[in-house]
Amino acid sequence: LLMSALFAAPPDEDDEEFRPGLVAEYRVGERAVTRIDPDVAFAWDEAAPDSRLSAERFEATWRGFLLVRQEAKHRLHAFVQGEVTVELDGRRVLHGSAKHPQWISGDEFVPGFAERPLVVTFRKTEPAAQLKLFWSSDVFSLEPLPPELLFHEQTPAELTLIERGRQQFAEHPIGGFRSRDD
């Protein structure tokens, strides 16, 4: 029994309750694309939010959890061009829009220590778009919303495989692949 424990397989990431990043859905009209984003920090300008969509006005929704480590007053901020709404634990903590890139800030809130459900919605309202989320508190000054504190629940196996393939492709440029004849 002891010997089998020594050679047991490492825990499978499929067994984890929470995984890094947020589940993002980008929508242009009836066409939608779902993927995992490590954070919410984008400057799309006039480009499409995903290569599988057009650069038209789009909507995006990120869902997951934000790990809050301190019981202090917090405030969310966005550098945005477009319209954004952020809900934390079912409560709207940030909402606003901007025709040109600018800062907007939400009201203070005390979330308490825990993984808090997070929903961020964005709508492109101008020819160019961007959204970068930040936060601050009584304990720390303005900083980007840290990717290591953003999580999502298990996703369907198909999305997990697509994401893994997308990441591997991004890590290995096409010129780096060899054919079997090499």
N, C-alpha and C. Protein backbone atom coordinates (compact mmCIF):
# COMPACT_ATOMS: atom_id res chain seq x y z
N LEU A 1 0.83 -1.20 0.00
CA LEU A 1 0.00 0.00 0.00
C LEU A 1 0.87 1.25 0.00
N LEU A 2 1.92 1.27 0.83
CA LEU A 2 2.81 2.41 0.88
C LEU A 2 3.50 2.62 -0.45
N MET A 3 3.93 1.53 -1.10
CA MET A 3 4.61 1.63 -2.38
C MET A 3 3.70 2.24 -3.44
N SER A 4 2.43 1.86 -3.47
CA SER A 4 1.51 2.42 -4.47
C SER A 4 1.28 3.90 -4.22
N ALA A 5 1.31 4.34 -2.96
CA ALA A 5 1.14 5.76 -2.66
C ALA A 5 2.33 6.56 -3.16
N LEU A 6 3.53 5.97 -3.12
CA LEU A 6 4.71 6.68 -3.60
C LEU A 6 4.67 6.92 -5.10
N PHE A 7 4.05 6.00 -5.83
CA PHE A 7 4.01 6.12 -7.28
C PHE A 7 2.64 6.56 -7.81
N ALA A 8 1.83 7.09 -6.93
CA ALA A 8 0.51 7.56 -7.36
C ALA A 8 0.67 8.72 -8.33
N ALA A 9 -0.25 8.83 -9.25
CA ALA A 9 -0.21 9.93 -10.22
C ALA A 9 -0.44 11.25 -9.51
N PRO A 10 0.17 12.32 -10.02
CA PRO A 10 -0.07 13.64 -9.41
C PRO A 10 -1.54 14.02 -9.59
N PRO A 11 -2.03 14.91 -8.74
CA PRO A 11 -3.43 15.31 -8.87
C PRO A 11 -3.69 15.86 -10.27
N ASP A 12 -4.79 15.47 -10.84
CA ASP A 12 -5.19 15.92 -12.17
C ASP A 12 -5.83 17.30 -12.04
N GLU A 13 -5.45 18.21 -12.94
CA GLU A 13 -6.05 19.55 -12.87
C GLU A 13 -7.56 19.51 -13.06
N ASP A 14 -8.07 18.41 -13.64
CA ASP A 14 -9.52 18.28 -13.80
C ASP A 14 -10.22 18.11 -12.45
N ASP A 15 -9.46 17.74 -11.39
CA ASP A 15 -10.04 17.55 -10.08
C ASP A 15 -10.15 18.87 -9.31
N GLU A 16 -9.51 19.92 -9.79
CA GLU A 16 -9.54 21.20 -9.09
C GLU A 16 -10.92 21.82 -9.20
N GLU A 17 -11.39 22.38 -8.07
CA GLU A 17 -12.70 23.03 -8.07
C GLU A 17 -12.65 24.35 -8.83
N PHE A 18 -11.57 25.13 -8.61
CA PHE A 18 -11.42 26.41 -9.29
C PHE A 18 -10.16 26.40 -10.14
N ARG A 19 -10.23 27.05 -11.28
CA ARG A 19 -9.09 27.15 -12.19
C ARG A 19 -8.78 28.62 -12.43
N PRO A 20 -7.55 28.94 -12.81
CA PRO A 20 -7.17 30.34 -13.04
C PRO A 20 -7.93 30.96 -14.21
N GLY A 21 -8.18 32.26 -14.11
CA GLY A 21 -8.80 33.02 -15.19
C GLY A 21 -10.31 33.10 -15.07
N LEU A 22 -10.90 33.84 -15.98
CA LEU A 22 -12.35 34.04 -16.03
C LEU A 22 -12.89 33.47 -17.34
N VAL A 23 -14.09 32.94 -17.32
CA VAL A 23 -14.74 32.47 -18.53
C VAL A 23 -15.29 33.70 -19.24
N ALA A 24 -14.83 33.91 -20.47
CA ALA A 24 -15.23 35.08 -21.25
C ALA A 24 -16.10 34.66 -22.43
N GLU A 25 -17.17 35.40 -22.64
CA GLU A 25 -17.98 35.20 -23.84
C GLU A 25 -18.01 36.52 -24.59
N TYR A 26 -17.55 36.47 -25.84
CA TYR A 26 -17.57 37.63 -26.73
C TYR A 26 -18.68 37.41 -27.74
N ARG A 27 -19.46 38.45 -28.00
CA ARG A 27 -20.61 38.31 -28.89
C ARG A 27 -20.68 39.48 -29.86
N VAL A 28 -20.84 39.13 -31.16
CA VAL A 28 -21.14 40.10 -32.20
C VAL A 28 -22.40 39.58 -32.88
N GLY A 29 -23.52 40.25 -32.64
CA GLY A 29 -24.79 39.78 -33.18
C GLY A 29 -25.12 38.41 -32.61
N GLU A 30 -25.38 37.45 -33.50
CA GLU A 30 -25.72 36.09 -33.07
C GLU A 30 -24.49 35.21 -32.87
N ARG A 31 -23.34 35.67 -33.33
CA ARG A 31 -22.11 34.87 -33.23
C ARG A 31 -21.45 35.10 -31.87
N ALA A 32 -21.11 34.00 -31.19
CA ALA A 32 -20.47 34.09 -29.87
C ALA A 32 -19.25 33.18 -29.81
N VAL A 33 -18.26 33.62 -29.06
CA VAL A 33 -17.03 32.87 -28.84
C VAL A 33 -16.78 32.84 -27.34
N THR A 34 -16.47 31.66 -26.82
CA THR A 34 -16.17 31.51 -25.39
C THR A 34 -14.72 31.07 -25.24
N ARG A 35 -14.04 31.67 -24.26
CA ARG A 35 -12.65 31.32 -23.99
C ARG A 35 -12.33 31.65 -22.54
N ILE A 36 -11.14 31.31 -22.10
CA ILE A 36 -10.68 31.66 -20.75
C ILE A 36 -9.69 32.82 -20.89
N ASP A 37 -9.94 33.91 -20.17
CA ASP A 37 -9.02 35.06 -20.15
C ASP A 37 -8.37 35.11 -18.77
N PRO A 38 -7.05 35.30 -18.70
CA PRO A 38 -6.38 35.34 -17.41
C PRO A 38 -6.74 36.57 -16.57
N ASP A 39 -7.15 37.65 -17.24
CA ASP A 39 -7.52 38.88 -16.55
C ASP A 39 -8.43 39.70 -17.45
N VAL A 40 -8.76 40.90 -17.01
CA VAL A 40 -9.56 41.82 -17.82
C VAL A 40 -8.69 43.06 -18.02
N ALA A 41 -7.88 43.02 -19.06
CA ALA A 41 -6.97 44.12 -19.39
C ALA A 41 -6.75 44.11 -20.90
N PHE A 42 -7.57 44.87 -21.62
CA PHE A 42 -7.55 44.83 -23.08
C PHE A 42 -7.58 46.23 -23.67
N ALA A 43 -6.80 46.41 -24.72
CA ALA A 43 -6.85 47.62 -25.54
C ALA A 43 -7.07 47.14 -26.97
N TRP A 44 -8.32 46.91 -27.32
CA TRP A 44 -8.65 46.39 -28.65
C TRP A 44 -8.48 47.45 -29.72
N ASP A 45 -8.61 48.70 -29.33
CA ASP A 45 -8.64 49.82 -30.28
C ASP A 45 -9.74 49.54 -31.30
N GLU A 46 -9.40 49.42 -32.59
CA GLU A 46 -10.44 49.17 -33.60
C GLU A 46 -10.47 47.70 -34.04
N ALA A 47 -9.67 46.86 -33.41
CA ALA A 47 -9.58 45.44 -33.78
C ALA A 47 -10.71 44.62 -33.15
N ALA A 48 -10.87 43.42 -33.65
CA ALA A 48 -11.85 42.48 -33.09
C ALA A 48 -11.33 41.96 -31.76
N PRO A 49 -12.22 41.60 -30.83
CA PRO A 49 -11.78 41.08 -29.54
C PRO A 49 -11.23 39.66 -29.62
N ASP A 50 -11.52 38.98 -30.72
CA ASP A 50 -11.07 37.60 -30.93
C ASP A 50 -10.99 37.40 -32.43
N SER A 51 -10.00 36.65 -32.88
CA SER A 51 -9.81 36.44 -34.32
C SER A 51 -10.99 35.73 -34.98
N ARG A 52 -11.85 35.11 -34.19
CA ARG A 52 -13.01 34.40 -34.74
C ARG A 52 -14.22 35.29 -34.90
N LEU A 53 -14.08 36.58 -34.55
CA LEU A 53 -15.19 37.53 -34.65
C LEU A 53 -14.79 38.73 -35.51
N SER A 54 -15.80 39.48 -35.93
CA SER A 54 -15.52 40.70 -36.69
C SER A 54 -15.22 41.84 -35.70
N ALA A 55 -14.75 42.95 -36.22
CA ALA A 55 -14.37 44.10 -35.39
C ALA A 55 -15.55 45.03 -35.13
N GLU A 56 -16.76 44.58 -35.45
CA GLU A 56 -17.94 45.42 -35.21
C GLU A 56 -18.11 45.66 -33.72
N ARG A 57 -19.16 46.40 -33.40
CA ARG A 57 -19.47 46.62 -31.99
C ARG A 57 -19.80 45.27 -31.37
N PHE A 58 -19.16 44.97 -30.26
CA PHE A 58 -19.31 43.67 -29.63
C PHE A 58 -19.69 43.85 -28.17
N GLU A 59 -20.10 42.76 -27.58
CA GLU A 59 -20.36 42.70 -26.15
C GLU A 59 -19.51 41.57 -25.58
N ALA A 60 -19.06 41.75 -24.35
CA ALA A 60 -18.26 40.72 -23.69
C ALA A 60 -18.73 40.56 -22.26
N THR A 61 -18.70 39.33 -21.76
CA THR A 61 -19.05 39.04 -20.37
C THR A 61 -18.01 38.08 -19.82
N TRP A 62 -17.45 38.44 -18.68
CA TRP A 62 -16.50 37.58 -17.97
C TRP A 62 -17.17 37.12 -16.69
N ARG A 63 -17.07 35.82 -16.39
CA ARG A 63 -17.66 35.26 -15.18
C ARG A 63 -16.62 34.43 -14.44
N GLY A 64 -16.70 34.50 -13.13
CA GLY A 64 -15.80 33.71 -12.30
C GLY A 64 -15.83 34.19 -10.88
N PHE A 65 -14.67 34.12 -10.22
CA PHE A 65 -14.56 34.50 -8.82
C PHE A 65 -13.33 35.37 -8.61
N LEU A 66 -13.46 36.31 -7.68
CA LEU A 66 -12.34 37.14 -7.24
C LEU A 66 -12.04 36.75 -5.81
N LEU A 67 -10.80 36.34 -5.55
CA LEU A 67 -10.38 36.00 -4.19
C LEU A 67 -10.02 37.29 -3.47
N VAL A 68 -10.77 37.60 -2.44
CA VAL A 68 -10.50 38.79 -1.63
C VAL A 68 -9.78 38.30 -0.38
N ARG A 69 -8.60 38.85 -0.13
CA ARG A 69 -7.76 38.37 0.97
C ARG A 69 -7.81 39.26 2.21
N GLN A 70 -8.46 40.42 2.11
CA GLN A 70 -8.47 41.33 3.24
C GLN A 70 -9.87 41.88 3.46
N GLU A 71 -10.25 41.97 4.71
CA GLU A 71 -11.53 42.58 5.05
C GLU A 71 -11.30 44.07 5.25
N ALA A 72 -11.33 44.79 4.14
CA ALA A 72 -11.09 46.22 4.15
C ALA A 72 -12.03 46.87 3.13
N LYS A 73 -12.11 48.18 3.16
CA LYS A 73 -12.90 48.89 2.15
C LYS A 73 -12.15 48.79 0.82
N HIS A 74 -12.85 48.36 -0.21
CA HIS A 74 -12.28 48.23 -1.55
C HIS A 74 -13.05 49.15 -2.50
N ARG A 75 -12.44 49.43 -3.64
CA ARG A 75 -13.08 50.19 -4.70
C ARG A 75 -12.54 49.66 -6.02
N LEU A 76 -13.43 49.44 -6.99
CA LEU A 76 -13.01 49.03 -8.32
C LEU A 76 -12.92 50.25 -9.23
N HIS A 77 -11.97 50.18 -10.17
CA HIS A 77 -11.73 51.26 -11.12
C HIS A 77 -11.57 50.63 -12.50
N ALA A 78 -11.89 51.39 -13.52
CA ALA A 78 -11.69 50.92 -14.89
C ALA A 78 -11.12 52.04 -15.74
N PHE A 79 -10.16 51.68 -16.57
CA PHE A 79 -9.74 52.58 -17.64
C PHE A 79 -10.48 52.05 -18.85
N VAL A 80 -11.43 52.82 -19.35
CA VAL A 80 -12.40 52.27 -20.29
C VAL A 80 -12.71 53.23 -21.43
N GLN A 81 -12.98 52.64 -22.58
CA GLN A 81 -13.60 53.31 -23.70
C GLN A 81 -14.69 52.35 -24.15
N GLY A 82 -15.92 52.67 -23.80
CA GLY A 82 -17.07 51.80 -24.00
C GLY A 82 -17.91 51.84 -22.74
N GLU A 83 -18.72 50.82 -22.53
CA GLU A 83 -19.58 50.77 -21.35
C GLU A 83 -19.26 49.52 -20.53
N VAL A 84 -19.09 49.69 -19.21
CA VAL A 84 -18.72 48.57 -18.35
C VAL A 84 -19.62 48.53 -17.12
N THR A 85 -19.92 47.31 -16.67
CA THR A 85 -20.61 47.07 -15.41
C THR A 85 -19.89 45.91 -14.72
N VAL A 86 -19.63 46.07 -13.42
CA VAL A 86 -18.99 45.01 -12.65
C VAL A 86 -19.89 44.69 -11.46
N GLU A 87 -20.21 43.40 -11.31
CA GLU A 87 -20.98 42.92 -10.16
C GLU A 87 -20.09 41.99 -9.36
N LEU A 88 -20.06 42.21 -8.06
CA LEU A 88 -19.29 41.36 -7.16
C LEU A 88 -20.24 40.86 -6.09
N ASP A 89 -20.34 39.56 -5.97
CA ASP A 89 -21.24 38.95 -4.99
C ASP A 89 -22.69 39.38 -5.22
N GLY A 90 -23.06 39.56 -6.51
CA GLY A 90 -24.42 39.94 -6.86
C GLY A 90 -24.74 41.42 -6.69
N ARG A 91 -23.75 42.21 -6.31
CA ARG A 91 -23.96 43.65 -6.08
C ARG A 91 -23.17 44.45 -7.12
N ARG A 92 -23.82 45.42 -7.75
CA ARG A 92 -23.13 46.27 -8.72
C ARG A 92 -22.17 47.20 -8.00
N VAL A 93 -20.87 47.07 -8.30
CA VAL A 93 -19.84 47.86 -7.62
C VAL A 93 -19.17 48.86 -8.56
N LEU A 94 -19.44 48.75 -9.86
CA LEU A 94 -18.88 49.70 -10.82
C LEU A 94 -19.76 49.72 -12.05
N HIS A 95 -20.06 50.93 -12.54
CA HIS A 95 -20.82 51.07 -13.77
C HIS A 95 -20.49 52.42 -14.38
N GLY A 96 -20.29 52.44 -15.67
CA GLY A 96 -20.06 53.70 -16.35
C GLY A 96 -19.71 53.49 -17.80
N SER A 97 -19.60 54.60 -18.52
CA SER A 97 -19.23 54.54 -19.93
C SER A 97 -18.41 55.77 -20.28
N ALA A 98 -17.65 55.64 -21.37
CA ALA A 98 -16.80 56.73 -21.83
C ALA A 98 -16.66 56.66 -23.35
N LYS A 99 -16.82 57.81 -24.00
CA LYS A 99 -16.63 57.88 -25.45
C LYS A 99 -15.15 57.83 -25.81
N HIS A 100 -14.31 58.36 -24.93
CA HIS A 100 -12.86 58.37 -25.11
C HIS A 100 -12.24 57.68 -23.89
N PRO A 101 -11.06 57.10 -24.02
CA PRO A 101 -10.45 56.39 -22.88
C PRO A 101 -10.35 57.30 -21.65
N GLN A 102 -10.89 56.82 -20.54
CA GLN A 102 -10.82 57.58 -19.30
C GLN A 102 -11.05 56.66 -18.12
N TRP A 103 -10.74 57.19 -16.92
CA TRP A 103 -10.92 56.47 -15.67
C TRP A 103 -12.34 56.65 -15.15
N ILE A 104 -12.92 55.56 -14.64
CA ILE A 104 -14.16 55.64 -13.86
C ILE A 104 -13.95 54.79 -12.60
N SER A 105 -14.61 55.17 -11.53
CA SER A 105 -14.46 54.46 -10.26
C SER A 105 -15.82 54.17 -9.66
N GLY A 106 -15.91 53.05 -8.97
CA GLY A 106 -17.13 52.67 -8.29
C GLY A 106 -17.12 53.16 -6.85
N ASP A 107 -18.21 52.89 -6.15
CA ASP A 107 -18.31 53.25 -4.74
C ASP A 107 -17.52 52.25 -3.90
N GLU A 108 -17.15 52.65 -2.70
CA GLU A 108 -16.46 51.74 -1.79
C GLU A 108 -17.40 50.63 -1.34
N PHE A 109 -16.82 49.46 -1.07
CA PHE A 109 -17.58 48.32 -0.57
C PHE A 109 -16.64 47.49 0.28
N VAL A 110 -17.20 46.68 1.17
CA VAL A 110 -16.42 45.78 2.02
C VAL A 110 -16.85 44.36 1.68
N PRO A 111 -16.06 43.66 0.84
CA PRO A 111 -16.47 42.34 0.39
C PRO A 111 -16.28 41.22 1.41
N GLY A 112 -15.36 41.35 2.35
CA GLY A 112 -15.06 40.26 3.27
C GLY A 112 -14.17 39.24 2.61
N PHE A 113 -13.43 38.49 3.40
CA PHE A 113 -12.47 37.50 2.92
C PHE A 113 -13.20 36.28 2.36
N ALA A 114 -12.96 35.97 1.08
CA ALA A 114 -13.54 34.77 0.44
C ALA A 114 -13.41 34.89 -1.07
N GLU A 115 -13.80 33.80 -1.76
CA GLU A 115 -13.93 33.85 -3.22
C GLU A 115 -15.31 34.43 -3.50
N ARG A 116 -15.35 35.57 -4.12
CA ARG A 116 -16.60 36.27 -4.39
C ARG A 116 -16.97 36.14 -5.87
N PRO A 117 -18.23 35.79 -6.17
CA PRO A 117 -18.65 35.71 -7.57
C PRO A 117 -18.47 37.07 -8.25
N LEU A 118 -17.90 37.03 -9.46
CA LEU A 118 -17.58 38.23 -10.22
C LEU A 118 -18.18 38.12 -11.62
N VAL A 119 -18.88 39.17 -12.05
CA VAL A 119 -19.40 39.26 -13.42
C VAL A 119 -19.05 40.64 -13.96
N VAL A 120 -18.35 40.65 -15.08
CA VAL A 120 -17.98 41.90 -15.73
C VAL A 120 -18.62 41.90 -17.11
N THR A 121 -19.33 42.96 -17.44
CA THR A 121 -19.91 43.09 -18.78
C THR A 121 -19.36 44.35 -19.44
N PHE A 122 -19.12 44.24 -20.74
CA PHE A 122 -18.57 45.36 -21.50
C PHE A 122 -19.29 45.43 -22.83
N ARG A 123 -19.51 46.65 -23.29
CA ARG A 123 -20.13 46.86 -24.61
C ARG A 123 -19.33 47.90 -25.36
N LYS A 124 -18.90 47.55 -26.56
CA LYS A 124 -18.19 48.50 -27.42
C LYS A 124 -19.22 49.49 -27.95
N THR A 125 -19.02 50.78 -27.68
CA THR A 125 -19.98 51.81 -28.09
C THR A 125 -19.39 52.80 -29.08
N GLU A 126 -18.08 52.73 -29.29
CA GLU A 126 -17.37 53.66 -30.17
C GLU A 126 -16.54 52.86 -31.17
N PRO A 127 -15.96 53.49 -32.19
CA PRO A 127 -15.13 52.74 -33.14
C PRO A 127 -13.95 52.03 -32.49
N ALA A 128 -13.40 52.60 -31.41
CA ALA A 128 -12.30 51.96 -30.68
C ALA A 128 -12.80 51.56 -29.30
N ALA A 129 -12.14 50.55 -28.72
CA ALA A 129 -12.59 50.06 -27.41
C ALA A 129 -11.41 49.61 -26.57
N GLN A 130 -11.57 49.75 -25.25
CA GLN A 130 -10.60 49.19 -24.31
C GLN A 130 -11.23 49.08 -22.93
N LEU A 131 -10.69 48.13 -22.16
CA LEU A 131 -11.15 47.93 -20.79
C LEU A 131 -10.01 47.31 -19.99
N LYS A 132 -9.65 47.98 -18.91
CA LYS A 132 -8.63 47.49 -17.99
C LYS A 132 -9.16 47.71 -16.59
N LEU A 133 -9.28 46.62 -15.82
CA LEU A 133 -9.81 46.70 -14.46
C LEU A 133 -8.70 46.83 -13.42
N PHE A 134 -8.97 47.69 -12.43
CA PHE A 134 -8.05 47.95 -11.33
C PHE A 134 -8.84 47.92 -10.04
N TRP A 135 -8.13 47.89 -8.91
CA TRP A 135 -8.79 48.03 -7.63
C TRP A 135 -7.86 48.72 -6.66
N SER A 136 -8.44 49.17 -5.56
CA SER A 136 -7.68 49.79 -4.48
C SER A 136 -8.43 49.48 -3.19
N SER A 137 -7.76 49.72 -2.05
CA SER A 137 -8.41 49.49 -0.76
C SER A 137 -7.75 50.36 0.30
N ASP A 138 -8.21 50.21 1.53
CA ASP A 138 -7.58 50.90 2.66
C ASP A 138 -6.16 50.38 2.88
N VAL A 139 -5.86 49.17 2.40
CA VAL A 139 -4.61 48.50 2.67
C VAL A 139 -3.59 48.67 1.52
N PHE A 140 -4.05 48.85 0.28
CA PHE A 140 -3.15 49.01 -0.86
C PHE A 140 -3.69 50.06 -1.82
N SER A 141 -2.77 50.66 -2.58
CA SER A 141 -3.17 51.70 -3.53
C SER A 141 -3.58 51.07 -4.86
N LEU A 142 -3.93 51.90 -5.81
CA LEU A 142 -4.41 51.47 -7.11
C LEU A 142 -3.45 50.47 -7.76
N GLU A 143 -4.00 49.33 -8.19
CA GLU A 143 -3.21 48.31 -8.90
C GLU A 143 -4.15 47.54 -9.82
N PRO A 144 -3.59 46.92 -10.88
CA PRO A 144 -4.43 46.08 -11.75
C PRO A 144 -5.06 44.95 -10.94
N LEU A 145 -6.23 44.52 -11.33
CA LEU A 145 -6.87 43.36 -10.69
C LEU A 145 -5.95 42.17 -10.95
N PRO A 146 -5.35 41.58 -9.91
CA PRO A 146 -4.32 40.55 -10.11
C PRO A 146 -4.86 39.25 -10.71
N PRO A 147 -4.24 38.77 -11.80
CA PRO A 147 -4.68 37.52 -12.42
C PRO A 147 -4.66 36.34 -11.44
N GLU A 148 -3.72 36.34 -10.48
CA GLU A 148 -3.63 35.21 -9.55
C GLU A 148 -4.79 35.17 -8.56
N LEU A 149 -5.66 36.19 -8.57
CA LEU A 149 -6.84 36.21 -7.69
C LEU A 149 -8.14 35.99 -8.46
N LEU A 150 -8.03 35.70 -9.76
CA LEU A 150 -9.21 35.47 -10.61
C LEU A 150 -9.33 33.99 -10.94
N PHE A 151 -10.51 33.42 -10.69
CA PHE A 151 -10.74 31.99 -10.88
C PHE A 151 -12.10 31.74 -11.52
N HIS A 152 -12.25 30.55 -12.08
CA HIS A 152 -13.55 30.11 -12.59
C HIS A 152 -13.76 28.66 -12.16
N GLU A 153 -15.03 28.25 -12.14
CA GLU A 153 -15.34 26.86 -11.82
C GLU A 153 -14.98 26.00 -13.02
N GLN A 154 -14.99 24.70 -12.80
CA GLN A 154 -14.67 23.79 -13.89
C GLN A 154 -15.50 24.15 -15.11
N THR A 155 -14.86 24.07 -16.26
CA THR A 155 -15.53 24.38 -17.52
C THR A 155 -15.75 23.08 -18.29
N PRO A 156 -16.62 23.10 -19.27
CA PRO A 156 -16.82 21.89 -20.08
C PRO A 156 -15.49 21.43 -20.68
N ALA A 157 -15.33 20.12 -20.80
CA ALA A 157 -14.08 19.54 -21.29
C ALA A 157 -13.70 20.10 -22.65
N GLU A 158 -14.67 20.34 -23.51
CA GLU A 158 -14.39 20.85 -24.85
C GLU A 158 -13.72 22.23 -24.78
N LEU A 159 -14.22 23.12 -23.92
CA LEU A 159 -13.62 24.45 -23.78
C LEU A 159 -12.21 24.34 -23.21
N THR A 160 -12.01 23.43 -22.27
CA THR A 160 -10.69 23.23 -21.69
C THR A 160 -9.70 22.80 -22.76
N LEU A 161 -10.10 21.87 -23.63
CA LEU A 161 -9.21 21.41 -24.70
C LEU A 161 -8.92 22.52 -25.71
N ILE A 162 -9.94 23.30 -26.05
CA ILE A 162 -9.76 24.41 -26.98
C ILE A 162 -8.77 25.41 -26.40
N GLU A 163 -8.93 25.74 -25.12
CA GLU A 163 -8.04 26.69 -24.47
C GLU A 163 -6.61 26.17 -24.42
N ARG A 164 -6.45 24.90 -24.10
CA ARG A 164 -5.12 24.31 -24.05
C ARG A 164 -4.46 24.38 -25.43
N GLY A 165 -5.21 24.08 -26.48
CA GLY A 165 -4.69 24.17 -27.84
C GLY A 165 -4.34 25.60 -28.23
N ARG A 166 -5.19 26.55 -27.85
CA ARG A 166 -4.94 27.95 -28.16
C ARG A 166 -3.65 28.43 -27.48
N GLN A 167 -3.44 28.03 -26.23
CA GLN A 167 -2.24 28.42 -25.49
C GLN A 167 -0.99 27.78 -26.12
N GLN A 168 -1.08 26.51 -26.48
CA GLN A 168 0.07 25.84 -27.09
C GLN A 168 0.42 26.48 -28.43
N PHE A 169 -0.59 26.82 -29.20
CA PHE A 169 -0.35 27.46 -30.50
C PHE A 169 0.32 28.82 -30.29
N ALA A 170 -0.14 29.58 -29.28
CA ALA A 170 0.45 30.89 -29.01
C ALA A 170 1.90 30.77 -28.55
N GLU A 171 2.23 29.69 -27.86
CA GLU A 171 3.59 29.49 -27.36
C GLU A 171 4.56 29.02 -28.44
N HIS A 172 4.06 28.47 -29.52
CA HIS A 172 4.92 27.91 -30.57
C HIS A 172 4.54 28.52 -31.91
N PRO A 173 5.26 29.54 -32.34
CA PRO A 173 4.94 30.17 -33.63
C PRO A 173 5.02 29.17 -34.77
N ILE A 174 4.26 29.41 -35.79
CA ILE A 174 4.17 28.47 -36.93
C ILE A 174 5.55 28.18 -37.51
N GLY A 175 6.42 29.18 -37.58
CA GLY A 175 7.76 28.96 -38.12
C GLY A 175 8.58 28.00 -37.27
N GLY A 176 8.15 27.78 -36.02
CA GLY A 176 8.90 26.91 -35.12
C GLY A 176 8.58 25.43 -35.29
N PHE A 177 7.53 25.11 -36.05
CA PHE A 177 7.16 23.71 -36.23
C PHE A 177 7.97 23.10 -37.37
N ARG A 178 8.29 21.83 -37.22
CA ARG A 178 9.00 21.11 -38.27
C ARG A 178 8.07 20.08 -38.90
N SER A 179 8.32 19.82 -40.14
CA SER A 179 7.54 18.76 -40.78
C SER A 179 8.16 17.42 -40.45
N ARG A 180 7.50 16.34 -40.72
CA ARG A 180 8.00 14.99 -40.45
C ARG A 180 9.21 14.66 -41.32
N ASP A 181 9.37 15.37 -42.42
CA ASP A 181 10.46 15.08 -43.34
C ASP A 181 11.78 15.70 -42.88
N ASP A 182 11.77 16.57 -41.85
CA ASP A 182 13.00 17.23 -41.37
C ASP A 182 13.92 16.28 -40.66
